[in-house]
């Protein structure tokens, strides 16, 4: 779990990277400059709704995940689905059939025309 100072660091770094001033961020998040200063200081507790408003304005999403998944997210690992879906398997089978067919990748002229 992140600490308040770590959350504040993330918010400040994101605002800096996006070129967003504290005055503009406070205004668009609908909070006072003083409240934003407290949030970005990492020293004072704040309401979850305040965090959500600031994160939203910075293009961030507040997400709760299991601890094991949090480590992967922090490491930047991209996790695929744990099992292959029926839809994925069906699409791959259709693509394989299409690619194996004579003239694969070509579309007859009559079908290539768009309908009005």
Foldseek 3Di string as FASTA:
>chain_A
DDALQVLLVVLVVLCVVVVHDLVNLCVQLVHDSVVSVVSNVSPDDDDPSSSCSSCVVSVHHDDDDPPVVVVCVVVVHDDDDPDDDPVNVVVVVVLVVLCPDPPRPDDPPVVPDDDD
